[in-house]
Amino acid sequence: MPRKITRDLRKELPFRPLQSGPPSVGSEETAGSSGVGLYHVVYANEGFDLAAQAIFSLVKDAVRKFPGKPRHLYLDIEGHRNENNGFDNDMFELQQEFCIGFLLPWLTTLYIPLGAKIINPGEQREDLPEALLITNPHVE
């Protein structure tokens, strides 16, 4: 049975987005003057580690294929809700700590389901690390 996206951000974008899953970035014609649109959906059966690696790979591919082009990441999350209809801990951390706290310097703009459009206050960086190593500080 195909997965259903309940909210299609693609209709809200000023340019054609590049989707991940598996991570890939499209051709030159998808990188217009407004930059490269990166779109990723985290499905209910995916956790923090899988989602973070997929998003990192998507951005890494965009850095490699379209160096210097503004990158705009649109994130959507299916499920992952707690009893108060907020995001569960994994998806809150993905948005707050990973996307904003770590990944923002390599993006021009970030759109997250927490209801925020975050603009990188500095210049977009091009020196994304080769790999993402995720560690759990709560495990020795």
C-alpha atoms as a PDB file:
ATOM      1  CA  MET A   1       0.000   0.000   0.000  1.00  0.00           C
ATOM      2  CA  PRO A   2       1.518   3.378  -0.948  1.00  0.00           C
ATOM      3  CA  ARG A   3       2.259   5.910   1.761  1.00  0.00           C
ATOM      4  CA  LYS A   4      -0.065   8.873   1.912  1.00  0.00           C
ATOM      5  CA  ILE A   5       1.230  12.409   2.454  1.00  0.00           C
ATOM      6  CA  THR A   6      -1.415  14.297   4.380  1.00  0.00           C
ATOM      7  CA  ARG A   7       0.025  17.737   3.678  1.00  0.00           C
ATOM      8  CA  ASP A   8       1.665  18.350   0.327  1.00  0.00           C
ATOM      9  CA  LEU A   9       4.225  21.137   0.777  1.00  0.00           C
ATOM     10  CA  ARG A  10       5.085  20.907  -2.909  1.00  0.00           C
ATOM     11  CA  LYS A  11       2.025  23.018  -3.745  1.00  0.00           C
ATOM     12  CA  GLU A  12       3.364  25.802  -1.507  1.00  0.00           C
ATOM     13  CA  LEU A  13       6.863  25.990  -2.973  1.00  0.00           C
ATOM     14  CA  PRO A  14       8.052  28.762  -5.316  1.00  0.00           C
ATOM     15  CA  PHE A  15      10.078  26.181  -7.275  1.00  0.00           C
ATOM     16  CA  ARG A  16      10.055  22.450  -8.001  1.00  0.00           C
ATOM     17  CA  PRO A  17      11.387  20.555  -4.966  1.00  0.00           C
ATOM     18  CA  LEU A  18      13.879  17.744  -5.008  1.00  0.00           C
ATOM     19  CA  GLN A  19      12.619  14.805  -2.996  1.00  0.00           C
ATOM     20  CA  SER A  20      14.569  12.378  -0.909  1.00  0.00           C
ATOM     21  CA  GLY A  21      14.009   8.705  -0.276  1.00  0.00           C
ATOM     22  CA  PRO A  22      16.358   7.363  -1.368  1.00  0.00           C
ATOM     23  CA  PRO A  23      18.354  10.598  -1.172  1.00  0.00           C
ATOM     24  CA  SER A  24      19.019  12.123  -4.554  1.00  0.00           C
ATOM     25  CA  VAL A  25      19.143  15.511  -6.160  1.00  0.00           C
ATOM     26  CA  GLY A  26      17.737  16.231  -9.582  1.00  0.00           C
ATOM     27  CA  SER A  27      19.211  17.735 -12.695  1.00  0.00           C
ATOM     28  CA  GLU A  28      20.488  21.234 -13.420  1.00  0.00           C
ATOM     29  CA  GLU A  29      17.050  22.473 -14.458  1.00  0.00           C
ATOM     30  CA  THR A  30      15.716  21.959 -10.926  1.00  0.00           C
ATOM     31  CA  ALA A  31      18.245  24.416  -9.498  1.00  0.00           C
ATOM     32  CA  GLY A  32      16.753  27.732 -10.551  1.00  0.00           C
ATOM     33  CA  SER A  33      17.817  31.252  -9.672  1.00  0.00           C
ATOM     34  CA  SER A  34      16.021  30.971  -6.324  1.00  0.00           C
ATOM     35  CA  GLY A  35      18.170  27.968  -5.474  1.00  0.00           C
ATOM     36  CA  VAL A  36      17.671  24.286  -4.854  1.00  0.00           C
ATOM     37  CA  GLY A  37      14.524  23.067  -3.110  1.00  0.00           C
ATOM     38  CA  LEU A  38      15.071  20.015  -0.928  1.00  0.00           C
ATOM     39  CA  TYR A  39      12.006  18.169   0.344  1.00  0.00           C
ATOM     40  CA  HIS A  40      12.005  15.282   2.784  1.00  0.00           C
ATOM     41  CA  VAL A  41       9.165  13.415   4.483  1.00  0.00           C
ATOM     42  CA  VAL A  42       9.810  11.516   7.698  1.00  0.00           C
ATOM     43  CA  TYR A  43       7.295   8.680   7.856  1.00  0.00           C
ATOM     44  CA  ALA A  44       5.790   7.278  11.041  1.00  0.00           C
ATOM     45  CA  ASN A  45       7.964   4.148  10.942  1.00  0.00           C
ATOM     46  CA  GLU A  46      11.239   6.127  10.743  1.00  0.00           C
ATOM     47  CA  GLY A  47      13.188   7.245  13.791  1.00  0.00           C
ATOM     48  CA  PHE A  48      15.631  10.046  14.463  1.00  0.00           C
ATOM     49  CA  ASP A  49      18.753   8.278  13.169  1.00  0.00           C
ATOM     50  CA  LEU A  50      17.259   7.216   9.844  1.00  0.00           C
ATOM     51  CA  ALA A  51      15.653  10.623   9.254  1.00  0.00           C
ATOM     52  CA  ALA A  52      18.807  12.566  10.164  1.00  0.00           C
ATOM     53  CA  GLN A  53      20.961  10.412   7.864  1.00  0.00           C
ATOM     54  CA  ALA A  54      18.489  10.823   4.971  1.00  0.00           C
ATOM     55  CA  ILE A  55      18.315  14.605   5.391  1.00  0.00           C
ATOM     56  CA  PHE A  56      22.097  14.855   5.727  1.00  0.00           C
ATOM     57  CA  SER A  57      22.553  12.791   2.539  1.00  0.00           C
ATOM     58  CA  LEU A  58      20.057  14.967   0.685  1.00  0.00           C
ATOM     59  CA  VAL A  59      21.873  18.167   1.667  1.00  0.00           C
ATOM     60  CA  LYS A  60      25.276  16.573   0.993  1.00  0.00           C
ATOM     61  CA  ASP A  61      24.139  15.625  -2.526  1.00  0.00           C
ATOM     62  CA  ALA A  62      22.878  19.172  -3.155  1.00  0.00           C
ATOM     63  CA  VAL A  63      26.182  20.674  -1.954  1.00  0.00           C
ATOM     64  CA  ARG A  64      28.057  18.394  -4.351  1.00  0.00           C
ATOM     65  CA  LYS A  65      25.792  18.862  -7.392  1.00  0.00           C
ATOM     66  CA  PHE A  66      24.935  22.561  -6.965  1.00  0.00           C
ATOM     67  CA  PRO A  67      27.781  24.268  -5.104  1.00  0.00           C
ATOM     68  CA  GLY A  68      27.053  27.852  -4.168  1.00  0.00           C
ATOM     69  CA  LYS A  69      23.336  27.651  -4.996  1.00  0.00           C
ATOM     70  CA  PRO A  70      20.987  28.623  -2.165  1.00  0.00           C
ATOM     71  CA  ARG A  71      19.526  25.527  -0.505  1.00  0.00           C
ATOM     72  CA  HIS A  72      15.985  25.530   0.898  1.00  0.00           C
ATOM     73  CA  LEU A  73      15.020  22.493   2.989  1.00  0.00           C
ATOM     74  CA  TYR A  74      11.343  21.655   3.464  1.00  0.00           C
ATOM     75  CA  LEU A  75      10.694  19.003   6.097  1.00  0.00           C
ATOM     76  CA  ASP A  76       7.412  17.200   6.639  1.00  0.00           C
ATOM     77  CA  ILE A  77       6.728  14.639   9.367  1.00  0.00           C
ATOM     78  CA  GLU A  78       4.018  11.961   9.306  1.00  0.00           C
ATOM     79  CA  GLY A  79       2.796  10.748  12.685  1.00  0.00           C
ATOM     80  CA  HIS A  80       5.311  11.021  15.538  1.00  0.00           C
ATOM     81  CA  ARG A  81       2.794  12.746  17.810  1.00  0.00           C
ATOM     82  CA  ASN A  82       2.536  12.550  21.567  1.00  0.00           C
ATOM     83  CA  GLU A  83      -0.611  12.512  23.719  1.00  0.00           C
ATOM     84  CA  ASN A  84      -0.837  16.336  23.540  1.00  0.00           C
ATOM     85  CA  ASN A  85      -0.626  16.248  19.714  1.00  0.00           C
ATOM     86  CA  GLY A  86       2.860  17.747  19.829  1.00  0.00           C
ATOM     87  CA  PHE A  87       5.830  16.019  18.250  1.00  0.00           C
ATOM     88  CA  ASP A  88       7.382  13.046  20.006  1.00  0.00           C
ATOM     89  CA  ASN A  89      10.869  13.483  21.473  1.00  0.00           C
ATOM     90  CA  ASP A  90      12.673  12.111  18.402  1.00  0.00           C
ATOM     91  CA  MET A  91      10.985  14.464  15.945  1.00  0.00           C
ATOM     92  CA  PHE A  92      11.216  17.473  18.241  1.00  0.00           C
ATOM     93  CA  GLU A  93      14.948  16.792  18.561  1.00  0.00           C
ATOM     94  CA  LEU A  94      15.261  16.267  14.800  1.00  0.00           C
ATOM     95  CA  GLN A  95      13.808  19.696  14.127  1.00  0.00           C
ATOM     96  CA  GLN A  96      15.313  21.649  17.033  1.00  0.00           C
ATOM     97  CA  GLU A  97      18.728  20.099  17.564  1.00  0.00           C
ATOM     98  CA  PHE A  98      19.577  18.538  14.204  1.00  0.00           C
ATOM     99  CA  CYS A  99      17.972  20.792  11.593  1.00  0.00           C
ATOM    100  CA  ILE A 100      18.259  24.123  13.408  1.00  0.00           C
ATOM    101  CA  GLY A 101      21.143  23.412  15.776  1.00  0.00           C
ATOM    102  CA  PHE A 102      23.428  21.537  13.379  1.00  0.00           C
ATOM    103  CA  LEU A 103      22.350  21.700   9.723  1.00  0.00           C
ATOM    104  CA  LEU A 104      21.201  25.335   9.335  1.00  0.00           C
ATOM    105  CA  PRO A 105      24.660  26.753   8.435  1.00  0.00           C
ATOM    106  CA  TRP A 106      24.601  24.666   5.217  1.00  0.00           C
ATOM    107  CA  LEU A 107      21.150  25.925   4.229  1.00  0.00           C
ATOM    108  CA  THR A 108      19.739  29.282   3.188  1.00  0.00           C
ATOM    109  CA  THR A 109      16.248  28.583   4.496  1.00  0.00           C
ATOM    110  CA  LEU A 110      14.683  25.835   6.578  1.00  0.00           C
ATOM    111  CA  TYR A 111      10.946  25.115   6.762  1.00  0.00           C
ATOM    112  CA  ILE A 112       9.968  22.752   9.577  1.00  0.00           C
ATOM    113  CA  PRO A 113       6.619  21.422  10.812  1.00  0.00           C
ATOM    114  CA  LEU A 114       7.045  23.172  14.158  1.00  0.00           C
ATOM    115  CA  GLY A 115       5.565  26.058  12.181  1.00  0.00           C
ATOM    116  CA  ALA A 116       8.760  27.897  11.476  1.00  0.00           C
ATOM    117  CA  LYS A 117      10.576  29.347   8.518  1.00  0.00           C
ATOM    118  CA  ILE A 118      14.149  29.781   9.643  1.00  0.00           C
ATOM    119  CA  ILE A 119      16.542  31.874   7.617  1.00  0.00           C
ATOM    120  CA  ASN A 120      20.247  31.302   8.060  1.00  0.00           C
ATOM    121  CA  PRO A 121      21.541  34.598   9.531  1.00  0.00           C
ATOM    122  CA  GLY A 122      24.997  34.023   8.072  1.00  0.00           C
ATOM    123  CA  GLU A 123      26.344  32.948   4.738  1.00  0.00           C
ATOM    124  CA  GLN A 124      25.465  29.444   3.596  1.00  0.00           C
ATOM    125  CA  ARG A 125      28.443  27.155   4.105  1.00  0.00           C
ATOM    126  CA  GLU A 126      29.721  24.655   1.534  1.00  0.00           C
ATOM    127  CA  ASP A 127      31.982  22.552   3.779  1.00  0.00           C
ATOM    128  CA  LEU A 128      29.507  19.928   4.994  1.00  0.00           C
ATOM    129  CA  PRO A 129      31.335  17.030   6.697  1.00  0.00           C
ATOM    130  CA  GLU A 130      31.816  13.876   4.644  1.00  0.00           C
ATOM    131  CA  ALA A 131      29.774  11.750   7.020  1.00  0.00           C
ATOM    132  CA  LEU A 132      27.305  12.120   9.859  1.00  0.00           C
ATOM    133  CA  LEU A 133      28.110  10.223  13.045  1.00  0.00           C
ATOM    134  CA  ILE A 134      25.173  10.095  15.439  1.00  0.00           C
ATOM    135  CA  THR A 135      25.934   9.285  19.064  1.00  0.00           C
ATOM    136  CA  ASN A 136      23.569   9.042  22.004  1.00  0.00           C
ATOM    137  CA  PRO A 137      24.901  11.076  24.946  1.00  0.00           C
ATOM    138  CA  HIS A 138      22.643   9.101  27.312  1.00  0.00           C
ATOM    139  CA  VAL A 139      24.366   5.793  26.504  1.00  0.00           C
ATOM    140  CA  GLU A 140      27.851   5.034  27.803  1.00  0.00           C
END
